[in-house]
Amino acid sequence: MYNGLLHAHSGFRWLVLIALVVAIVISLAGWIKRSEWTKSGKISGLVLTILMDIQFLIGLVLYVFLSPMTKAAFNDFGAAMKNETLRFYAVEHILIMVIALALVHIGKSRTKKDLPGWKKHRSSFIFYGISLLVILMAIPWDRAMF
């Protein structure tokens, strides 16, 4: 079960990244053109948020129940903090990804405010863009499964 969920989590990352890039491009175009908030902006933000939530839930199941890395880290947390790999999976990866998830949710929620369309585009672009940078920092590229 661990390997299956790990492959799902690793493969699902690409859907999240594609949805994030699409949402960023739509937001940037809307901001530059100073256009109204349209259905494409709403749908791209909704799809992105759903995909991020699913990815987070898969990762959380791995983190809490199945990962041998986190189990090893929690057996001796002090020693794990001295081990770069264990520290990354036990603390850094999940913390940074929770921040990215929060940024996406903030960006999505800001589009629900009563603002001009271009300001919604600007806000979503900023939050989604920062989220993309944060996610790219926290992906374990050395263990990337394509």
Protein backbone atom coordinates (compact mmCIF):
# COMPACT_ATOMS: atom_id res chain seq x y z
CA MET A 1 0.00 0.00 0.00
CA TYR A 2 2.88 2.35 0.82
CA ASN A 3 4.45 2.05 -2.64
CA GLY A 4 1.11 2.56 -4.38
CA LEU A 5 0.30 5.72 -2.44
CA LEU A 6 3.85 7.01 -2.81
CA HIS A 7 3.61 6.60 -6.60
CA ALA A 8 0.18 8.24 -6.59
CA HIS A 9 1.51 11.15 -4.51
CA SER A 10 4.55 11.52 -6.76
CA GLY A 11 2.55 11.30 -10.00
CA PHE A 12 -0.28 13.51 -8.77
CA ARG A 13 2.27 16.26 -8.22
CA TRP A 14 2.33 16.84 -11.98
CA LEU A 15 -1.43 17.46 -12.09
CA VAL A 16 -1.05 19.95 -9.25
CA LEU A 17 1.84 21.73 -10.98
CA ILE A 18 -0.04 21.89 -14.29
CA ALA A 19 -3.17 23.25 -12.57
CA LEU A 20 -1.04 25.77 -10.71
CA VAL A 21 0.68 27.00 -13.86
CA VAL A 22 -2.66 27.27 -15.69
CA ALA A 23 -4.19 29.24 -12.81
CA ILE A 24 -1.14 31.53 -12.72
CA VAL A 25 -1.28 32.17 -16.48
CA ILE A 26 -5.03 32.93 -16.37
CA SER A 27 -4.52 35.26 -13.40
CA LEU A 28 -1.57 37.05 -14.98
CA ALA A 29 -3.42 37.54 -18.27
CA GLY A 30 -6.46 38.89 -16.44
CA TRP A 31 -4.35 41.22 -14.35
CA ILE A 32 -2.41 42.58 -17.33
CA LYS A 33 -5.57 43.05 -19.40
CA ARG A 34 -7.43 44.41 -16.36
CA SER A 35 -10.28 42.11 -17.27
CA GLU A 36 -13.27 41.01 -15.26
CA TRP A 37 -13.20 37.90 -13.14
CA THR A 38 -14.50 35.20 -15.46
CA LYS A 39 -15.55 31.59 -15.31
CA SER A 40 -12.07 30.44 -16.36
CA GLY A 41 -10.55 32.14 -13.31
CA LYS A 42 -13.14 30.57 -11.03
CA ILE A 43 -12.74 27.09 -12.49
CA SER A 44 -8.94 27.16 -12.56
CA GLY A 45 -8.85 28.22 -8.91
CA LEU A 46 -11.39 25.60 -7.93
CA VAL A 47 -9.60 22.79 -9.77
CA LEU A 48 -6.29 23.88 -8.29
CA THR A 49 -7.69 23.93 -4.77
CA ILE A 50 -9.29 20.50 -5.16
CA LEU A 51 -6.10 18.97 -6.57
CA MET A 52 -3.99 20.54 -3.82
CA ASP A 53 -6.37 19.19 -1.16
CA ILE A 54 -6.29 15.68 -2.63
CA GLN A 55 -2.50 15.79 -2.86
CA PHE A 56 -2.29 16.96 0.73
CA LEU A 57 -4.57 14.17 1.95
CA ILE A 58 -2.51 11.51 0.14
CA GLY A 59 0.65 13.01 1.61
CA LEU A 60 -0.88 13.15 5.07
CA VAL A 61 -1.80 9.45 4.96
CA LEU A 62 1.76 8.66 3.90
CA TYR A 63 3.21 10.92 6.59
CA VAL A 64 1.09 9.76 9.51
CA PHE A 65 0.50 6.08 8.78
CA LEU A 66 2.74 4.55 6.14
CA SER A 67 6.09 6.25 5.59
CA PRO A 68 9.10 4.37 6.96
CA MET A 69 10.98 7.69 6.90
CA THR A 70 8.62 9.44 9.28
CA LYS A 71 8.37 6.34 11.47
CA ALA A 72 12.17 6.28 11.75
CA ALA A 73 12.24 10.01 12.44
CA PHE A 74 9.64 9.84 15.20
CA ASN A 75 11.40 6.91 16.88
CA ASP A 76 14.33 9.21 17.66
CA PHE A 77 13.45 12.75 16.72
CA GLY A 78 16.69 14.23 18.05
CA ALA A 79 18.77 11.97 15.85
CA ALA A 80 16.43 12.59 12.92
CA MET A 81 17.09 16.34 13.13
CA LYS A 82 20.78 15.60 12.57
CA ASN A 83 20.01 13.49 9.50
CA GLU A 84 19.30 15.69 6.47
CA THR A 85 17.02 13.18 4.73
CA LEU A 86 14.94 12.30 7.78
CA ARG A 87 14.63 15.97 8.77
CA PHE A 88 13.46 16.86 5.27
CA TYR A 89 10.63 14.31 5.29
CA ALA A 90 9.69 14.61 8.96
CA VAL A 91 9.64 18.40 9.19
CA GLU A 92 10.60 20.47 6.18
CA HIS A 93 8.57 18.87 3.39
CA ILE A 94 5.28 18.79 5.23
CA LEU A 95 5.72 22.26 6.77
CA ILE A 96 6.54 23.88 3.45
CA MET A 97 3.71 22.07 1.66
CA VAL A 98 1.20 23.15 4.33
CA ILE A 99 2.34 26.72 3.71
CA ALA A 100 1.86 26.24 -0.06
CA LEU A 101 -1.61 24.78 0.55
CA ALA A 102 -2.53 27.75 2.74
CA LEU A 103 -1.30 30.19 0.09
CA VAL A 104 -3.49 28.54 -2.56
CA HIS A 105 -6.51 28.65 -0.27
CA ILE A 106 -5.84 32.31 0.57
CA GLY A 107 -5.51 33.14 -3.12
CA LYS A 108 -8.76 31.34 -3.88
CA SER A 109 -10.65 32.94 -1.00
CA ARG A 110 -9.50 36.44 -2.00
CA THR A 111 -11.28 35.98 -5.34
CA LYS A 112 -14.57 35.71 -3.49
CA LYS A 113 -14.32 39.25 -2.13
CA ASP A 114 -16.21 42.12 -3.68
CA LEU A 115 -13.30 43.56 -5.66
CA PRO A 116 -12.80 44.62 -9.26
CA GLY A 117 -11.90 41.68 -11.50
CA TRP A 118 -8.34 42.78 -12.15
CA LYS A 119 -7.65 42.93 -8.41
CA LYS A 120 -8.90 39.36 -8.05
CA HIS A 121 -6.55 38.35 -10.86
CA ARG A 122 -3.65 40.19 -9.22
CA SER A 123 -4.32 38.65 -5.84
CA SER A 124 -4.66 35.11 -7.16
CA PHE A 125 -1.53 35.57 -9.30
CA ILE A 126 0.51 36.66 -6.29
CA PHE A 127 -0.66 33.89 -3.97
CA TYR A 128 -0.56 31.14 -6.59
CA GLY A 129 2.86 32.33 -7.78
CA ILE A 130 4.35 32.28 -4.30
CA SER A 131 2.79 28.87 -3.76
CA LEU A 132 4.45 27.57 -6.93
CA LEU A 133 7.85 28.78 -5.77
CA VAL A 134 7.35 27.25 -2.34
CA ILE A 135 6.24 23.92 -3.83
CA LEU A 136 9.22 23.79 -6.18
CA MET A 137 11.51 24.27 -3.18
CA ALA A 138 9.93 21.42 -1.23
CA ILE A 139 9.63 18.75 -3.92
CA PRO A 140 12.18 15.99 -3.30
CA TRP A 141 13.63 16.16 -6.81
CA ASP A 142 16.29 13.58 -6.02
CA ARG A 143 13.52 11.01 -5.47
CA ALA A 144 11.25 12.24 -8.25
CA MET A 145 9.24 9.46 -9.84
CA PHE A 146 8.14 10.40 -13.32
